[in-house]
């Protein structure tokens, strides 16, 4: 192409580009006076119930989490480089974004910060939340911990030697650019997969986030780090023990989507079931329902999971991890 034509086209584009009217928009310049953090947040701290309703956690939990975030930010200054916000304000914005399911534009109008600033800040806080709480919330269980989980399952669901309930959840996203059908799942929407294991209290003990929506739960499980550790026998899972008159291994329980392995139990096929097999399926279903309850609690608390996330895939992964914490 003629260099003169390229130069003239470049000059035309530059000339047509809209000039920035303000260095800081007038709406954002009043952040310290009229922004939500400087007005509503202080009033919410006077009412525990309203505070919990707004942030999805108590005042004490908010303050404790804020202190932990400050320590993380002090250790890794790159996370907040370029942002002139207090840790408490950043946490306030992030919890509101996750809890209400609002958009960056809505945060712009309520907290009075730029849309671009919000889109850069929220993912970094989510990453910081994961780094801060990952080891505390998802420690590698000891043999004693596995036994306690199994005992709780036996008492609550009448299913012996169960060390967790496993299932996958499709988290909606807007179709990523140039991704084709990688994220398009059998439910006919775009998603990334959250694979989780829950105990009998409906608390997550392991999560894996980021697999393509088109992949089955069984495929995601076989690709995750937990499966490799199960194969290598490095998870400190107790050896098989005698239950009644039979020796049974300690197992995870899943639905029909999962393949049968030494450490994963699935129900019998529904055709021509004997009385014993129907009873087995019933007990397994009760145990497996714990992870489904966990997903229900998760999405009810963090409404960002109720709508398709219009963010890049890696940001969506960070958001989901922060919600699971």
Protein backbone atom coordinates (compact mmCIF):
# COMPACT_ATOMS: atom_id res chain seq x y z
CA UNK A 1 0.00 0.00 0.00
CA UNK A 2 1.17 3.53 -0.82
CA UNK A 3 2.85 5.09 2.29
CA UNK A 4 1.17 8.42 1.51
CA UNK A 5 -2.28 6.82 1.66
CA UNK A 6 -1.44 5.16 4.99
CA UNK A 7 -0.20 8.46 6.41
CA UNK A 8 -3.31 10.37 5.29
CA UNK A 9 -5.57 7.66 6.74
CA UNK A 10 -3.69 7.83 10.05
CA UNK A 11 -4.01 11.64 10.17
CA UNK A 12 -7.74 11.37 9.44
CA UNK A 13 -8.29 8.87 12.27
CA UNK A 14 -6.34 11.00 14.76
CA UNK A 15 -8.28 14.10 13.74
CA UNK A 16 -11.63 12.35 14.10
CA UNK A 17 -10.79 10.86 17.50
CA UNK A 18 -12.79 12.58 20.21
CA UNK A 19 -10.70 14.66 22.54
CA UNK A 20 -10.95 13.92 26.24
CA UNK A 21 -13.12 16.60 27.81
CA UNK A 22 -12.05 16.07 31.43
CA UNK A 23 -9.03 14.62 33.17
CA UNK A 24 -11.49 13.46 35.87
CA UNK A 25 -15.22 13.40 35.14
CA UNK A 26 -17.22 15.76 37.41
CA UNK A 27 -19.25 12.79 38.70
CA UNK A 28 -16.07 11.03 39.82
CA UNK A 29 -14.47 14.14 41.29
CA UNK A 30 -17.11 14.16 44.04
CA UNK A 31 -16.20 10.62 45.18
CA UNK A 32 -14.92 11.69 48.60
CA UNK A 33 -18.11 13.63 49.30
CA UNK A 34 -20.92 11.68 47.63
CA UNK A 35 -19.54 8.24 46.81
CA UNK A 36 -21.26 5.26 48.41
CA UNK A 37 -18.24 4.35 50.52
CA UNK A 38 -18.08 7.83 52.08
CA UNK A 39 -21.83 8.11 52.70
CA UNK A 40 -23.81 4.87 52.89
CA UNK A 41 -20.97 2.66 54.16
CA UNK A 42 -20.58 4.66 57.36
CA UNK A 43 -24.31 4.52 58.03
CA UNK A 44 -24.44 0.78 57.37
CA UNK A 45 -21.84 0.17 60.08
CA UNK A 46 -24.42 1.35 62.63
CA UNK A 47 -26.82 -1.49 61.73
CA UNK A 48 -25.54 -5.09 61.67
CA UNK A 49 -28.51 -6.48 59.72
CA UNK A 50 -28.38 -3.82 57.00
CA UNK A 51 -24.61 -4.20 56.75
CA UNK A 52 -24.94 -7.98 56.29
CA UNK A 53 -27.67 -7.50 53.68
CA UNK A 54 -25.51 -5.07 51.70
CA UNK A 55 -22.12 -6.82 51.90
CA UNK A 56 -23.18 -10.45 52.51
CA UNK A 57 -21.08 -10.60 55.68
CA UNK A 58 -21.01 -9.24 59.22
CA UNK A 59 -19.12 -6.13 60.30
CA UNK A 60 -16.64 -8.27 62.26
CA UNK A 61 -15.97 -10.50 59.23
CA UNK A 62 -15.56 -7.44 57.00
CA UNK A 63 -13.02 -5.87 59.35
CA UNK A 64 -11.09 -9.13 59.76
CA UNK A 65 -10.97 -9.67 56.00
CA UNK A 66 -9.88 -6.08 55.46
CA UNK A 67 -6.92 -6.51 57.82
CA UNK A 68 -5.83 -9.66 55.99
CA UNK A 69 -6.09 -7.85 52.65
CA UNK A 70 -3.92 -5.02 53.94
CA UNK A 71 -1.20 -7.54 54.78
CA UNK A 72 -1.44 -9.02 51.28
CA UNK A 73 -1.27 -5.59 49.65
CA UNK A 74 1.76 -4.69 51.78
CA UNK A 75 3.56 -7.86 50.67
CA UNK A 76 2.65 -7.45 46.98
CA UNK A 77 2.45 -3.77 46.10
CA UNK A 78 2.01 -4.56 42.40
CA UNK A 79 -1.59 -5.65 43.06
CA UNK A 80 -2.66 -2.10 43.87
CA UNK A 81 -0.04 -0.15 41.97
CA UNK A 82 -1.64 2.92 40.41
CA UNK A 83 -4.75 2.91 42.66
CA UNK A 84 -5.29 5.59 45.30
CA UNK A 85 -7.92 3.72 47.31
CA UNK A 86 -7.96 2.49 50.88
CA UNK A 87 -8.12 -1.28 51.34
CA UNK A 88 -11.50 -0.91 53.06
CA UNK A 89 -12.94 0.99 50.11
CA UNK A 90 -11.61 -1.54 47.59
CA UNK A 91 -13.12 -4.38 49.61
CA UNK A 92 -16.42 -2.50 49.85
CA UNK A 93 -16.62 -2.10 46.07
CA UNK A 94 -15.63 -5.71 45.40
CA UNK A 95 -18.12 -7.22 47.84
CA UNK A 96 -20.90 -5.06 46.44
CA UNK A 97 -20.00 -6.13 42.89
CA UNK A 98 -19.96 -9.82 43.82
CA UNK A 99 -22.95 -9.70 46.15
CA UNK A 100 -25.37 -7.65 44.06
CA UNK A 101 -24.32 -8.81 40.60
CA UNK A 102 -24.14 -5.19 39.44
CA UNK A 103 -22.07 -4.02 36.47
CA UNK A 104 -18.95 -1.87 36.41
CA UNK A 105 -21.13 0.97 35.12
CA UNK A 106 -23.38 0.74 38.17
CA UNK A 107 -20.30 0.88 40.42
CA UNK A 108 -19.19 3.94 38.48
CA UNK A 109 -22.36 5.81 39.38
CA UNK A 110 -22.62 4.64 42.99
CA UNK A 111 -18.98 4.68 44.10
CA UNK A 112 -18.03 7.45 41.66
CA UNK A 113 -14.99 5.94 40.03
CA UNK A 114 -14.24 5.38 36.35
CA UNK A 115 -15.63 2.32 34.60
CA UNK A 116 -12.12 1.41 33.43
CA UNK A 117 -10.79 1.85 36.95
CA UNK A 118 -13.49 -0.48 38.30
CA UNK A 119 -12.75 -3.09 35.62
CA UNK A 120 -9.07 -3.09 36.63
CA UNK A 121 -9.56 -2.84 40.39
CA UNK A 122 -12.18 -5.56 41.03
CA UNK A 123 -10.17 -8.42 39.41
CA UNK A 124 -7.07 -7.47 41.40
CA UNK A 125 -8.96 -7.52 44.68
CA UNK A 126 -10.42 -10.92 43.74
CA UNK A 127 -6.89 -12.22 43.09
CA UNK A 128 -5.80 -10.80 46.44
CA UNK A 129 -8.72 -12.48 48.22
CA UNK A 130 -7.73 -15.85 46.75
CA UNK A 131 -4.06 -15.42 47.66
CA UNK A 132 -4.98 -14.31 51.17
CA UNK A 133 -7.45 -17.07 52.03
CA UNK A 134 -6.63 -20.04 49.80
CA UNK A 135 -4.49 -21.92 52.32
CA UNK A 136 -6.86 -21.09 55.19
CA UNK A 137 -10.04 -22.12 53.36
CA UNK A 138 -8.68 -25.02 51.29
CA UNK A 139 -5.96 -26.76 53.31
CA UNK A 140 -4.91 -30.24 52.22
CA UNK A 141 -6.92 -32.55 54.52
CA UNK A 142 -5.02 -34.81 56.87
CA UNK A 143 -6.00 -38.44 57.43
CA UNK A 144 -7.76 -37.39 60.63
CA UNK A 145 -9.70 -34.72 58.73
CA UNK A 146 -10.81 -37.26 56.09
CA UNK A 147 -12.05 -39.55 58.84
CA UNK A 148 -14.01 -36.72 60.45
CA UNK A 149 -15.64 -35.85 57.10
CA UNK A 150 -16.58 -39.51 56.60
CA UNK A 151 -18.03 -39.74 60.10
CA UNK A 152 -20.16 -36.63 59.52
CA UNK A 153 -21.48 -38.04 56.23
CA UNK A 154 -22.33 -41.34 57.91
CA UNK A 155 -24.27 -39.57 60.66
CA UNK A 156 -26.16 -37.19 58.36
CA UNK A 157 -26.73 -39.24 55.22
CA UNK A 158 -26.24 -42.84 56.37
CA UNK A 159 -23.55 -43.35 53.70
CA UNK A 160 -20.33 -44.85 55.14
CA UNK A 161 -16.75 -43.94 54.22
CA UNK A 162 -17.77 -40.89 52.15
CA UNK A 163 -15.06 -38.22 52.08
CA UNK A 164 -16.87 -35.72 49.88
CA UNK A 165 -19.63 -34.97 47.42
CA UNK A 166 -18.42 -33.95 43.95
CA UNK A 167 -20.17 -32.15 41.10
CA UNK A 168 -19.65 -29.48 38.47
CA UNK A 169 -21.43 -26.17 37.95
CA UNK A 170 -21.55 -24.15 34.74
CA UNK A 171 -20.92 -20.46 35.48
CA UNK A 172 -22.33 -18.23 32.76
CA UNK A 173 -20.06 -15.93 30.76
CA UNK A 174 -20.45 -13.81 27.64
CA UNK A 175 -18.91 -15.66 24.70
CA UNK A 176 -15.17 -14.86 24.63
CA UNK A 177 -13.79 -13.46 21.39
CA UNK A 178 -12.51 -16.05 18.90
CA UNK A 179 -13.37 -18.93 21.25
CA UNK A 180 -15.72 -20.71 18.87
CA UNK A 181 -17.75 -23.36 20.67
CA UNK A 182 -15.16 -24.16 23.36
CA UNK A 183 -17.28 -22.61 26.10
CA UNK A 184 -20.68 -23.59 24.69
CA UNK A 185 -22.22 -26.26 26.92
CA UNK A 186 -25.02 -28.80 26.60
CA UNK A 187 -27.40 -26.37 28.33
CA UNK A 188 -27.04 -24.04 25.34
CA UNK A 189 -25.13 -21.15 26.91
CA UNK A 190 -21.47 -20.14 27.25
CA UNK A 191 -19.78 -21.05 30.51
CA UNK A 192 -16.70 -22.06 32.41
CA UNK A 193 -16.85 -25.00 34.80
CA UNK A 194 -16.55 -24.90 38.58
CA UNK A 195 -15.76 -28.40 39.84
CA UNK A 196 -16.20 -28.67 43.60
CA UNK A 197 -16.10 -31.16 46.44
CA UNK A 198 -18.19 -30.42 49.53
CA UNK A 199 -18.38 -31.95 52.99
CA UNK A 200 -21.58 -32.80 54.86
CA UNK A 201 -21.83 -29.20 56.12
CA UNK A 202 -22.09 -27.97 52.50
CA UNK A 203 -18.64 -26.35 52.78
CA UNK A 204 -16.22 -26.63 49.87
CA UNK A 205 -13.05 -28.60 50.58
CA UNK A 206 -11.70 -28.45 47.02
CA UNK A 207 -12.45 -26.44 43.87
CA UNK A 208 -11.14 -26.39 40.31
CA UNK A 209 -12.16 -23.45 38.11
CA UNK A 210 -11.57 -22.61 34.47
CA UNK A 211 -12.34 -25.63 32.29
CA UNK A 212 -14.24 -25.02 29.05
CA UNK A 213 -18.01 -25.26 29.21
CA UNK A 214 -18.12 -27.96 26.52
CA UNK A 215 -16.21 -30.40 28.74
CA UNK A 216 -18.08 -32.98 30.80
CA UNK A 217 -17.78 -33.22 34.58
CA UNK A 218 -15.91 -36.50 34.24
CA UNK A 219 -13.40 -34.98 31.82
CA UNK A 220 -12.87 -31.94 34.06
CA UNK A 221 -12.32 -34.24 37.04
CA UNK A 222 -9.72 -36.33 35.19
CA UNK A 223 -7.82 -33.16 34.23
CA UNK A 224 -7.76 -31.56 37.69
CA UNK A 225 -4.92 -31.71 40.21
CA UNK A 226 -7.02 -33.71 42.69
CA UNK A 227 -7.38 -36.65 40.27
CA UNK A 228 -3.62 -36.81 39.76
CA UNK A 229 -3.08 -36.84 43.52
CA UNK A 230 -5.68 -39.58 43.90
CA UNK A 231 -3.86 -41.65 41.28
CA UNK A 232 -0.54 -41.03 43.03
CA UNK A 233 -2.08 -41.77 46.46
CA UNK A 234 -0.67 -38.57 48.02
CA UNK A 235 -3.85 -37.20 49.65
CA UNK A 236 -3.51 -39.10 52.95
CA UNK A 237 -6.86 -40.83 52.38
CA UNK A 238 -7.37 -43.64 54.93
CA UNK A 239 -7.04 -47.23 53.78
CA UNK A 240 -10.21 -49.30 53.17
CA UNK A 241 -11.95 -50.29 56.39
CA UNK A 242 -14.46 -52.90 57.39
CA UNK A 243 -18.08 -51.70 57.50
CA UNK A 244 -20.51 -54.32 58.80
CA UNK A 245 -19.35 -57.47 56.99
CA UNK A 246 -17.66 -55.77 54.02
CA UNK A 247 -14.38 -53.89 53.57
CA UNK A 248 -15.07 -50.55 51.85
CA UNK A 249 -12.69 -47.87 50.54
CA UNK A 250 -13.08 -44.19 51.36
CA UNK A 251 -14.76 -42.60 48.35
CA UNK A 252 -16.11 -39.43 46.80
CA UNK A 253 -19.71 -39.64 45.58
CA UNK A 254 -20.89 -38.20 42.27
CA UNK A 255 -23.71 -38.56 39.75
CA UNK A 256 -23.94 -40.60 36.55
CA UNK A 257 -21.70 -38.14 34.70
CA UNK A 258 -18.65 -39.43 36.55
CA UNK A 259 -16.84 -42.65 35.81
CA UNK A 260 -16.45 -45.31 38.47
CA UNK A 261 -12.97 -45.41 40.07
CA UNK A 262 -11.42 -46.80 43.24
CA UNK A 263 -12.09 -43.51 45.03
CA UNK A 264 -15.26 -42.31 43.29
CA UNK A 265 -18.66 -43.95 43.65
CA UNK A 266 -21.59 -43.32 41.30
CA UNK A 267 -25.18 -44.63 41.36
CA UNK A 268 -26.35 -47.80 39.67
CA UNK A 269 -28.09 -47.31 36.28
CA UNK A 270 -31.81 -46.74 36.80
CA UNK A 271 -33.01 -49.81 34.86
CA UNK A 272 -34.10 -53.03 36.60
CA UNK A 273 -32.90 -52.08 40.06
CA UNK A 274 -33.13 -54.52 42.94
CA UNK A 275 -34.27 -53.38 46.37
CA UNK A 276 -30.67 -53.22 47.61
CA UNK A 277 -29.54 -51.16 44.63
CA UNK A 278 -32.45 -48.73 45.00
CA UNK A 279 -31.54 -48.29 48.65
CA UNK A 280 -27.89 -47.72 47.69
CA UNK A 281 -28.86 -45.10 45.10
CA UNK A 282 -31.08 -43.35 47.64
CA UNK A 283 -28.31 -43.09 50.21
CA UNK A 284 -25.78 -41.98 47.61
CA UNK A 285 -28.22 -39.34 46.37
CA UNK A 286 -28.56 -37.96 49.90
CA UNK A 287 -24.79 -37.70 50.22
CA UNK A 288 -24.36 -36.25 46.73
CA UNK A 289 -26.98 -33.59 47.43
CA UNK A 290 -24.59 -31.80 49.78
CA UNK A 291 -22.55 -30.31 46.93
CA UNK A 292 -25.74 -29.23 45.14
CA UNK A 293 -26.78 -27.42 48.32
CA UNK A 294 -23.33 -25.80 48.37
CA UNK A 295 -23.85 -24.45 44.85
CA UNK A 296 -27.26 -23.11 45.86
CA UNK A 297 -25.80 -21.31 48.88
CA UNK A 298 -22.96 -19.95 46.73
CA UNK A 299 -25.19 -18.46 44.03
CA UNK A 300 -27.74 -17.13 46.51
CA UNK A 301 -25.03 -15.24 48.40
CA UNK A 302 -23.02 -13.97 45.44
CA UNK A 303 -25.47 -12.74 42.80
CA UNK A 304 -22.72 -12.12 40.25
CA UNK A 305 -23.16 -15.84 39.46
CA UNK A 306 -26.81 -15.25 38.51
CA UNK A 307 -25.94 -13.49 35.26
CA UNK A 308 -23.48 -13.97 32.40
CA UNK A 309 -20.18 -12.34 33.34
CA UNK A 310 -19.07 -9.88 30.67
CA UNK A 311 -15.36 -10.17 31.47
CA UNK A 312 -12.32 -12.01 30.15
CA UNK A 313 -12.06 -15.69 31.05
CA UNK A 314 -9.16 -15.24 33.46
CA UNK A 315 -11.09 -12.50 35.27
CA UNK A 316 -14.17 -14.74 35.50
CA UNK A 317 -11.98 -17.45 37.05
CA UNK A 318 -10.70 -14.99 39.68
CA UNK A 319 -14.26 -13.84 40.44
CA UNK A 320 -15.51 -17.42 40.92
CA UNK A 321 -12.56 -18.29 43.17
CA UNK A 322 -13.19 -15.20 45.29
CA UNK A 323 -16.86 -16.17 45.67
CA UNK A 324 -15.93 -19.72 46.74
CA UNK A 325 -13.63 -18.40 49.45
